[in-house]
C-alpha atoms as a PDB file:
ATOM      1  CA  UNK A   1      -8.773 -19.752  15.659  1.00  0.00           C
ATOM      2  CA  UNK A   2     -12.734 -18.989  17.207  1.00  0.00           C
ATOM      3  CA  UNK A   3     -11.832 -15.127  15.924  1.00  0.00           C
ATOM      4  CA  UNK A   4     -10.748 -15.782  12.504  1.00  0.00           C
ATOM      5  CA  UNK A   5     -13.179 -18.115  11.630  1.00  0.00           C
ATOM      6  CA  UNK A   6     -15.680 -15.547  12.744  1.00  0.00           C
ATOM      7  CA  UNK A   7     -14.334 -13.245  10.293  1.00  0.00           C
ATOM      8  CA  UNK A   8     -14.319 -16.129   7.529  1.00  0.00           C
ATOM      9  CA  UNK A   9     -17.776 -16.471   8.458  1.00  0.00           C
ATOM     10  CA  UNK A  10     -18.732 -12.520   8.142  1.00  0.00           C
ATOM     11  CA  UNK A  11     -17.492 -11.964   5.027  1.00  0.00           C
ATOM     12  CA  UNK A  12     -19.223 -15.253   3.553  1.00  0.00           C
ATOM     13  CA  UNK A  13     -22.315 -13.115   3.952  1.00  0.00           C
ATOM     14  CA  UNK A  14     -21.659 -10.889   1.399  1.00  0.00           C
ATOM     15  CA  UNK A  15     -23.818 -12.167  -1.704  1.00  0.00           C
ATOM     16  CA  UNK A  16     -23.528 -11.333  -5.065  1.00  0.00           C
ATOM     17  CA  UNK A  17     -25.850  -8.535  -5.328  1.00  0.00           C
ATOM     18  CA  UNK A  18     -23.798  -6.354  -2.763  1.00  0.00           C
ATOM     19  CA  UNK A  19     -21.940  -4.863  -5.272  1.00  0.00           C
ATOM     20  CA  UNK A  20     -21.157  -1.138  -3.831  1.00  0.00           C
ATOM     21  CA  UNK A  21     -18.850   0.599  -2.174  1.00  0.00           C
ATOM     22  CA  UNK A  22     -21.417   1.264   0.608  1.00  0.00           C
ATOM     23  CA  UNK A  23     -23.067  -2.177   1.146  1.00  0.00           C
ATOM     24  CA  UNK A  24     -19.480  -3.809   1.128  1.00  0.00           C
ATOM     25  CA  UNK A  25     -18.880  -0.566   3.838  1.00  0.00           C
ATOM     26  CA  UNK A  26     -21.908  -1.641   5.900  1.00  0.00           C
ATOM     27  CA  UNK A  27     -20.260  -5.001   6.254  1.00  0.00           C
ATOM     28  CA  UNK A  28     -16.485  -5.010   7.028  1.00  0.00           C
ATOM     29  CA  UNK A  29     -17.239  -1.857   8.680  1.00  0.00           C
ATOM     30  CA  UNK A  30     -14.822   1.313   7.946  1.00  0.00           C
ATOM     31  CA  UNK A  31     -11.796   0.402   5.458  1.00  0.00           C
ATOM     32  CA  UNK A  32      -7.524   0.890   6.303  1.00  0.00           C
ATOM     33  CA  UNK A  33      -7.151   2.077   2.804  1.00  0.00           C
ATOM     34  CA  UNK A  34      -9.364   4.172  -0.126  1.00  0.00           C
ATOM     35  CA  UNK A  35      -7.662   5.217  -3.164  1.00  0.00           C
ATOM     36  CA  UNK A  36      -9.387   7.165  -5.304  1.00  0.00           C
ATOM     37  CA  UNK A  37      -7.834   8.260  -9.304  1.00  0.00           C
ATOM     38  CA  UNK A  38      -8.855  11.953 -10.349  1.00  0.00           C
ATOM     39  CA  UNK A  39      -7.844  13.458 -14.184  1.00  0.00           C
ATOM     40  CA  UNK A  40      -4.132  13.660 -14.754  1.00  0.00           C
ATOM     41  CA  UNK A  41      -3.534  10.136 -13.763  1.00  0.00           C
ATOM     42  CA  UNK A  42      -3.752  10.870  -9.991  1.00  0.00           C
ATOM     43  CA  UNK A  43      -3.897   8.146  -7.439  1.00  0.00           C
ATOM     44  CA  UNK A  44      -4.594   9.690  -4.328  1.00  0.00           C
ATOM     45  CA  UNK A  45      -4.522   7.159  -1.091  1.00  0.00           C
ATOM     46  CA  UNK A  46      -5.480   7.737   2.273  1.00  0.00           C
ATOM     47  CA  UNK A  47      -4.896   5.298   5.347  1.00  0.00           C
ATOM     48  CA  UNK A  48      -6.752   5.608   8.135  1.00  0.00           C
ATOM     49  CA  UNK A  49      -5.597   4.025  12.169  1.00  0.00           C
ATOM     50  CA  UNK A  50      -7.955   1.431  14.001  1.00  0.00           C
ATOM     51  CA  UNK A  51     -10.342   4.678  14.908  1.00  0.00           C
ATOM     52  CA  UNK A  52     -10.712   5.385  11.474  1.00  0.00           C
ATOM     53  CA  UNK A  53      -8.870   8.336  11.945  1.00  0.00           C
ATOM     54  CA  UNK A  54      -6.639   9.550   8.510  1.00  0.00           C
ATOM     55  CA  UNK A  55      -3.306   8.204   9.197  1.00  0.00           C
ATOM     56  CA  UNK A  56      -1.622   9.628   5.860  1.00  0.00           C
ATOM     57  CA  UNK A  57      -2.218  10.714   2.523  1.00  0.00           C
ATOM     58  CA  UNK A  58      -0.879  10.168  -0.381  1.00  0.00           C
ATOM     59  CA  UNK A  59      -0.357  11.000  -3.592  1.00  0.00           C
ATOM     60  CA  UNK A  60       1.122  10.114  -7.116  1.00  0.00           C
ATOM     61  CA  UNK A  61       0.887   9.027 -10.392  1.00  0.00           C
ATOM     62  CA  UNK A  62      -1.183   6.332 -11.402  1.00  0.00           C
ATOM     63  CA  UNK A  63      -1.051   3.572 -14.472  1.00  0.00           C
ATOM     64  CA  UNK A  64       1.725   2.251 -15.456  1.00  0.00           C
ATOM     65  CA  UNK A  65       5.304   1.491 -13.456  1.00  0.00           C
ATOM     66  CA  UNK A  66       7.224   3.578 -15.735  1.00  0.00           C
ATOM     67  CA  UNK A  67       4.864   6.430 -14.724  1.00  0.00           C
ATOM     68  CA  UNK A  68       5.841   6.438 -11.042  1.00  0.00           C
ATOM     69  CA  UNK A  69       8.441   9.530 -11.559  1.00  0.00           C
ATOM     70  CA  UNK A  70       6.303  11.484 -14.065  1.00  0.00           C
ATOM     71  CA  UNK A  71       5.547  14.941 -13.519  1.00  0.00           C
ATOM     72  CA  UNK A  72       1.237  14.907 -11.849  1.00  0.00           C
ATOM     73  CA  UNK A  73      -1.004  18.020 -12.961  1.00  0.00           C
ATOM     74  CA  UNK A  74       0.374  20.661  -9.848  1.00  0.00           C
ATOM     75  CA  UNK A  75      -2.555  22.225 -10.691  1.00  0.00           C
ATOM     76  CA  UNK A  76      -5.141  19.146  -9.827  1.00  0.00           C
ATOM     77  CA  UNK A  77      -2.784  18.529  -6.259  1.00  0.00           C
ATOM     78  CA  UNK A  78      -2.419  21.527  -4.588  1.00  0.00           C
ATOM     79  CA  UNK A  79      -6.698  21.125  -5.723  1.00  0.00           C
ATOM     80  CA  UNK A  80      -7.252  17.477  -4.079  1.00  0.00           C
ATOM     81  CA  UNK A  81      -4.224  19.262  -1.079  1.00  0.00           C
ATOM     82  CA  UNK A  82      -6.461  22.894  -0.759  1.00  0.00           C
ATOM     83  CA  UNK A  83      -9.092  20.900  -0.222  1.00  0.00           C
ATOM     84  CA  UNK A  84      -8.856  17.967   2.888  1.00  0.00           C
ATOM     85  CA  UNK A  85      -5.650  20.348   4.404  1.00  0.00           C
ATOM     86  CA  UNK A  86      -5.905  24.256   3.458  1.00  0.00           C
ATOM     87  CA  UNK A  87      -4.185  24.929   6.097  1.00  0.00           C
ATOM     88  CA  UNK A  88      -0.922  23.738   4.587  1.00  0.00           C
ATOM     89  CA  UNK A  89      -1.862  25.846   1.128  1.00  0.00           C
ATOM     90  CA  UNK A  90      -1.808  28.718   3.665  1.00  0.00           C
ATOM     91  CA  UNK A  91       1.278  29.667   3.143  1.00  0.00           C
ATOM     92  CA  UNK A  92       2.327  30.323   6.862  1.00  0.00           C
ATOM     93  CA  UNK A  93       3.226  26.814   7.246  1.00  0.00           C
ATOM     94  CA  UNK A  94       7.529  26.043   8.140  1.00  0.00           C
ATOM     95  CA  UNK A  95       9.018  25.501   4.506  1.00  0.00           C
ATOM     96  CA  UNK A  96      12.699  23.056   4.402  1.00  0.00           C
ATOM     97  CA  UNK A  97      13.948  22.140   1.562  1.00  0.00           C
ATOM     98  CA  UNK A  98      15.633  18.657   0.684  1.00  0.00           C
ATOM     99  CA  UNK A  99      18.153  18.035  -1.764  1.00  0.00           C
ATOM    100  CA  UNK A 100      18.299  14.573  -3.008  1.00  0.00           C
ATOM    101  CA  UNK A 101      19.423  12.419  -6.353  1.00  0.00           C
ATOM    102  CA  UNK A 102      17.518  13.756  -9.417  1.00  0.00           C
ATOM    103  CA  UNK A 103      14.139  14.775  -6.313  1.00  0.00           C
ATOM    104  CA  UNK A 104      14.436  17.490  -4.685  1.00  0.00           C
ATOM    105  CA  UNK A 105      11.549  17.071  -1.300  1.00  0.00           C
ATOM    106  CA  UNK A 106       9.783  20.262  -0.063  1.00  0.00           C
ATOM    107  CA  UNK A 107       8.423  20.020   4.153  1.00  0.00           C
ATOM    108  CA  UNK A 108       5.942  22.092   5.224  1.00  0.00           C
ATOM    109  CA  UNK A 109       5.193  21.611   8.651  1.00  0.00           C
ATOM    110  CA  UNK A 110       2.092  23.105  10.091  1.00  0.00           C
ATOM    111  CA  UNK A 111      -1.143  22.827  12.511  1.00  0.00           C
ATOM    112  CA  UNK A 112       0.175  19.641  12.760  1.00  0.00           C
ATOM    113  CA  UNK A 113       0.322  18.848   9.608  1.00  0.00           C
ATOM    114  CA  UNK A 114       3.398  17.520   7.591  1.00  0.00           C
ATOM    115  CA  UNK A 115       3.445  17.178   4.051  1.00  0.00           C
ATOM    116  CA  UNK A 116       6.396  16.559   1.994  1.00  0.00           C
ATOM    117  CA  UNK A 117       6.149  17.005  -1.840  1.00  0.00           C
ATOM    118  CA  UNK A 118       8.205  15.747  -4.144  1.00  0.00           C
ATOM    119  CA  UNK A 119       9.719  17.416  -7.537  1.00  0.00           C
ATOM    120  CA  UNK A 120      12.075  16.094 -10.733  1.00  0.00           C
ATOM    121  CA  UNK A 121      15.250  18.809  -9.909  1.00  0.00           C
ATOM    122  CA  UNK A 122      15.264  19.503 -12.932  1.00  0.00           C
ATOM    123  CA  UNK A 123      11.636  21.333 -12.896  1.00  0.00           C
ATOM    124  CA  UNK A 124      10.019  23.209 -10.203  1.00  0.00           C
ATOM    125  CA  UNK A 125       6.142  22.961  -8.755  1.00  0.00           C
ATOM    126  CA  UNK A 126       4.673  22.021 -12.216  1.00  0.00           C
ATOM    127  CA  UNK A 127       6.868  18.941 -11.985  1.00  0.00           C
ATOM    128  CA  UNK A 128       5.614  17.275  -8.650  1.00  0.00           C
ATOM    129  CA  UNK A 129       6.020  13.670  -8.367  1.00  0.00           C
ATOM    130  CA  UNK A 130       4.533  12.258  -5.157  1.00  0.00           C
ATOM    131  CA  UNK A 131       2.326  13.953  -2.388  1.00  0.00           C
ATOM    132  CA  UNK A 132       2.654  12.478   1.227  1.00  0.00           C
ATOM    133  CA  UNK A 133       0.189  14.905   4.214  1.00  0.00           C
ATOM    134  CA  UNK A 134       0.274  13.116   8.246  1.00  0.00           C
ATOM    135  CA  UNK A 135      -0.092  14.128  10.805  1.00  0.00           C
ATOM    136  CA  UNK A 136      -3.338  14.822  10.153  1.00  0.00           C
ATOM    137  CA  UNK A 137      -5.388  16.376  13.134  1.00  0.00           C
ATOM    138  CA  UNK A 138      -9.353  16.765  12.518  1.00  0.00           C
ATOM    139  CA  UNK A 139      -8.427  21.501  12.938  1.00  0.00           C
ATOM    140  CA  UNK A 140      -6.384  20.961   9.120  1.00  0.00           C
ATOM    141  CA  UNK A 141      -9.706  19.889   7.655  1.00  0.00           C
ATOM    142  CA  UNK A 142     -12.301  21.466   5.582  1.00  0.00           C
ATOM    143  CA  UNK A 143     -16.154  22.048   7.380  1.00  0.00           C
ATOM    144  CA  UNK A 144     -16.618  18.673   6.189  1.00  0.00           C
ATOM    145  CA  UNK A 145     -14.138  16.782   8.414  1.00  0.00           C
ATOM    146  CA  UNK A 146     -14.226  13.687   5.946  1.00  0.00           C
ATOM    147  CA  UNK A 147     -11.740  13.146   2.997  1.00  0.00           C
ATOM    148  CA  UNK A 148     -13.015  10.560   1.675  1.00  0.00           C
ATOM    149  CA  UNK A 149     -16.740  12.274   1.246  1.00  0.00           C
ATOM    150  CA  UNK A 150     -15.028  15.388   0.032  1.00  0.00           C
ATOM    151  CA  UNK A 151     -12.456  13.307  -2.516  1.00  0.00           C
ATOM    152  CA  UNK A 152     -16.762  11.263  -3.006  1.00  0.00           C
ATOM    153  CA  UNK A 153     -17.994  14.141  -3.192  1.00  0.00           C
ATOM    154  CA  UNK A 154     -15.688  16.135  -5.774  1.00  0.00           C
ATOM    155  CA  UNK A 155     -13.903  12.471  -7.976  1.00  0.00           C
ATOM    156  CA  UNK A 156     -16.800   9.736  -7.674  1.00  0.00           C
ATOM    157  CA  UNK A 157     -16.310   6.849  -6.031  1.00  0.00           C
ATOM    158  CA  UNK A 158     -13.589   5.141  -4.540  1.00  0.00           C
ATOM    159  CA  UNK A 159     -11.996   2.502  -7.401  1.00  0.00           C
ATOM    160  CA  UNK A 160     -10.318   0.245  -4.197  1.00  0.00           C
ATOM    161  CA  UNK A 161     -10.938  -0.530  -0.492  1.00  0.00           C
ATOM    162  CA  UNK A 162      -9.016  -2.543   1.782  1.00  0.00           C
ATOM    163  CA  UNK A 163     -10.949  -3.882   4.778  1.00  0.00           C
ATOM    164  CA  UNK A 164      -9.350  -5.956   8.046  1.00  0.00           C
ATOM    165  CA  UNK A 165     -11.681  -8.360   9.190  1.00  0.00           C
ATOM    166  CA  UNK A 166     -11.277 -10.101  12.959  1.00  0.00           C
ATOM    167  CA  UNK A 167      -8.387 -11.838  12.872  1.00  0.00           C
ATOM    168  CA  UNK A 168      -6.358  -9.063  10.684  1.00  0.00           C
ATOM    169  CA  UNK A 169      -7.620 -10.447   7.458  1.00  0.00           C
ATOM    170  CA  UNK A 170      -7.120  -8.021   4.713  1.00  0.00           C
ATOM    171  CA  UNK A 171      -9.617  -8.395   2.134  1.00  0.00           C
ATOM    172  CA  UNK A 172      -9.370  -5.580  -0.846  1.00  0.00           C
ATOM    173  CA  UNK A 173     -11.719  -4.772  -3.244  1.00  0.00           C
ATOM    174  CA  UNK A 174     -11.406  -3.000  -6.442  1.00  0.00           C
ATOM    175  CA  UNK A 175     -14.199  -1.764  -8.836  1.00  0.00           C
ATOM    176  CA  UNK A 176     -15.181  -0.681 -11.365  1.00  0.00           C
ATOM    177  CA  UNK A 177     -16.185   3.125 -12.401  1.00  0.00           C
ATOM    178  CA  UNK A 178     -19.700   2.319 -12.129  1.00  0.00           C
ATOM    179  CA  UNK A 179     -19.486   0.755  -9.286  1.00  0.00           C
ATOM    180  CA  UNK A 180     -19.867  -2.758  -8.859  1.00  0.00           C
ATOM    181  CA  UNK A 181     -16.996  -5.206  -8.609  1.00  0.00           C
ATOM    182  CA  UNK A 182     -14.299  -5.209 -10.669  1.00  0.00           C
ATOM    183  CA  UNK A 183     -11.982  -7.600  -7.969  1.00  0.00           C
ATOM    184  CA  UNK A 184     -11.873  -8.839  -4.416  1.00  0.00           C
ATOM    185  CA  UNK A 185      -8.665  -9.848  -3.558  1.00  0.00           C
ATOM    186  CA  UNK A 186      -8.271 -12.228  -0.146  1.00  0.00           C
ATOM    187  CA  UNK A 187      -4.240 -12.259   1.601  1.00  0.00           C
ATOM    188  CA  UNK A 188      -3.995 -13.657   4.861  1.00  0.00           C
ATOM    189  CA  UNK A 189      -0.479 -14.452   3.752  1.00  0.00           C
ATOM    190  CA  UNK A 190       1.872 -11.358   5.939  1.00  0.00           C
ATOM    191  CA  UNK A 191       0.394 -13.549   9.091  1.00  0.00           C
ATOM    192  CA  UNK A 192       1.994 -16.817   6.736  1.00  0.00           C
ATOM    193  CA  UNK A 193       5.441 -15.192   6.737  1.00  0.00           C
ATOM    194  CA  UNK A 194       5.391 -13.352  10.815  1.00  0.00           C
ATOM    195  CA  UNK A 195       3.233 -16.555  12.707  1.00  0.00           C
ATOM    196  CA  UNK A 196       3.326 -20.087  10.174  1.00  0.00           C
ATOM    197  CA  UNK A 197       0.992 -21.193  13.343  1.00  0.00           C
ATOM    198  CA  UNK A 198      -0.957 -18.905  11.790  1.00  0.00           C
ATOM    199  CA  UNK A 199      -1.781 -21.265   8.837  1.00  0.00           C
ATOM    200  CA  UNK A 200      -5.319 -22.354   9.797  1.00  0.00           C
ATOM    201  CA  UNK A 201      -7.249 -19.082   9.176  1.00  0.00           C
ATOM    202  CA  UNK A 202      -6.210 -20.531   5.760  1.00  0.00           C
ATOM    203  CA  UNK A 203      -9.337 -22.774   6.296  1.00  0.00           C
ATOM    204  CA  UNK A 204      -9.982 -24.077   2.718  1.00  0.00           C
ATOM    205  CA  UNK A 205     -13.628 -25.374   3.420  1.00  0.00           C
ATOM    206  CA  UNK A 206     -13.425 -21.775   5.054  1.00  0.00           C
ATOM    207  CA  UNK A 207     -12.921 -20.091   1.741  1.00  0.00           C
ATOM    208  CA  UNK A 208     -14.729 -22.106  -0.296  1.00  0.00           C
ATOM    209  CA  UNK A 209     -17.801 -20.992   1.562  1.00  0.00           C
ATOM    210  CA  UNK A 210     -15.971 -17.668   0.964  1.00  0.00           C
ATOM    211  CA  UNK A 211     -16.439 -17.906  -2.675  1.00  0.00           C
ATOM    212  CA  UNK A 212     -19.622 -19.732  -2.865  1.00  0.00           C
ATOM    213  CA  UNK A 213     -21.751 -16.663  -1.655  1.00  0.00           C
ATOM    214  CA  UNK A 214     -19.549 -14.819  -5.130  1.00  0.00           C
ATOM    215  CA  UNK A 215     -19.472 -17.244  -7.776  1.00  0.00           C
ATOM    216  CA  UNK A 216     -22.439 -19.494  -6.923  1.00  0.00           C
ATOM    217  CA  UNK A 217     -22.031 -22.272  -8.540  1.00  0.00           C
ATOM    218  CA  UNK A 218     -25.046 -22.074 -11.141  1.00  0.00           C
ATOM    219  CA  UNK A 219     -22.014 -19.547 -12.303  1.00  0.00           C
ATOM    220  CA  UNK A 220     -19.020 -22.278 -12.751  1.00  0.00           C
ATOM    221  CA  UNK A 221     -20.473 -25.083 -15.173  1.00  0.00           C
ATOM    222  CA  UNK A 222     -19.276 -24.469 -17.733  1.00  0.00           C
ATOM    223  CA  UNK A 223     -15.744 -23.447 -15.912  1.00  0.00           C
ATOM    224  CA  UNK A 224     -12.810 -23.722 -17.473  1.00  0.00           C
ATOM    225  CA  UNK A 225      -9.749 -24.824 -14.765  1.00  0.00           C
ATOM    226  CA  UNK A 226      -5.655 -24.975 -15.286  1.00  0.00           C
ATOM    227  CA  UNK A 227      -2.992 -25.234 -12.914  1.00  0.00           C
ATOM    228  CA  UNK A 228       0.052 -23.939 -13.576  1.00  0.00           C
ATOM    229  CA  UNK A 229       3.696 -24.796 -11.297  1.00  0.00           C
ATOM    230  CA  UNK A 230       5.879 -23.199 -10.480  1.00  0.00           C
ATOM    231  CA  UNK A 231       8.325 -25.336  -8.471  1.00  0.00           C
ATOM    232  CA  UNK A 232       6.375 -26.794  -4.912  1.00  0.00           C
ATOM    233  CA  UNK A 233       3.953 -23.494  -5.935  1.00  0.00           C
ATOM    234  CA  UNK A 234       0.828 -23.891  -8.202  1.00  0.00           C
ATOM    235  CA  UNK A 235      -1.454 -21.120  -9.058  1.00  0.00           C
ATOM    236  CA  UNK A 236      -5.556 -22.688  -9.854  1.00  0.00           C
ATOM    237  CA  UNK A 237      -6.781 -19.974 -13.209  1.00  0.00           C
ATOM    238  CA  UNK A 238     -11.142 -20.958 -12.863  1.00  0.00           C
ATOM    239  CA  UNK A 239     -12.496 -19.237 -15.968  1.00  0.00           C
ATOM    240  CA  UNK A 240     -16.518 -18.748 -15.974  1.00  0.00           C
ATOM    241  CA  UNK A 241     -18.553 -16.695 -18.405  1.00  0.00           C
ATOM    242  CA  UNK A 242     -19.056 -13.981 -15.816  1.00  0.00           C
ATOM    243  CA  UNK A 243     -15.781 -13.953 -13.492  1.00  0.00           C
ATOM    244  CA  UNK A 244     -12.900 -16.130 -13.299  1.00  0.00           C
ATOM    245  CA  UNK A 245     -11.412 -17.349 -10.018  1.00  0.00           C
ATOM    246  CA  UNK A 246      -7.187 -17.819  -8.861  1.00  0.00           C
ATOM    247  CA  UNK A 247      -6.112 -19.347  -5.972  1.00  0.00           C
ATOM    248  CA  UNK A 248      -2.322 -19.056  -5.486  1.00  0.00           C
ATOM    249  CA  UNK A 249      -0.878 -22.421  -3.443  1.00  0.00           C
ATOM    250  CA  UNK A 250       2.929 -22.416  -1.625  1.00  0.00           C
ATOM    251  CA  UNK A 251       4.489 -25.142  -0.334  1.00  0.00           C
ATOM    252  CA  UNK A 252       0.248 -26.502  -0.387  1.00  0.00           C
ATOM    253  CA  UNK A 253      -1.071 -24.016   1.928  1.00  0.00           C
ATOM    254  CA  UNK A 254      -3.592 -21.596   0.144  1.00  0.00           C
ATOM    255  CA  UNK A 255      -1.916 -17.730   0.614  1.00  0.00           C
ATOM    256  CA  UNK A 256      -4.134 -15.856  -1.928  1.00  0.00           C
ATOM    257  CA  UNK A 257      -6.970 -15.882  -3.604  1.00  0.00           C
ATOM    258  CA  UNK A 258      -8.483 -13.304  -6.198  1.00  0.00           C
ATOM    259  CA  UNK A 259     -12.291 -12.932  -7.690  1.00  0.00           C
ATOM    260  CA  UNK A 260     -12.845 -11.037 -11.455  1.00  0.00           C
ATOM    261  CA  UNK A 261     -15.886  -9.966 -13.122  1.00  0.00           C
ATOM    262  CA  UNK A 262     -15.781  -9.218 -16.173  1.00  0.00           C
END
């Protein structure tokens, strides 16, 4: 209980000026998830383990859900894979093809890496719709050895990062193209699902302290407030000139909070 509160208090120390990925990284440690948007409506997601090693890398279409099975630019996908795991692109790995409904899945293993590349069965290599890369030993990387650094060097800052604080509370941070904050999502709800006794981590006093650091009272003087009810659940929206705050309650327990900047 004390450790969870400590993690929340750590978040409360974030200042309004701390609006770059590097600033958040220095306060919250390494992210366990990062997402990069690259040309061609492609989103590259990296998941890390608790030691900071890459567990999985996923490449998929970005944008509207309807694009989730839209073919991606094959050359752009190849460029990402070549940069991160050139060995698996060498043609020396072992490959098998699995055919599913409307999708062909080419699975390649090389030097401990496992690559799953899914195509529309009506097309071919140029109709890639999803890529997953797992089992990434250090020898699978290029000389830089840092996937996020390589992606950032080629494609710019990540658009999204997710961190875990003490008590395993997730903080999702979305950035604008210039690196400033777009939105922060605070999501301890899954802990309520796993163990209802963890409801204390949602201490509203601590959360208000956190919000107060990022949305000081002077910025909220002329804010408007709205409440939308859905049965016993409610959503509270506070809209100020430059930002908005959304709080979602389930059975009177705060399960989600987000701050969005204009």
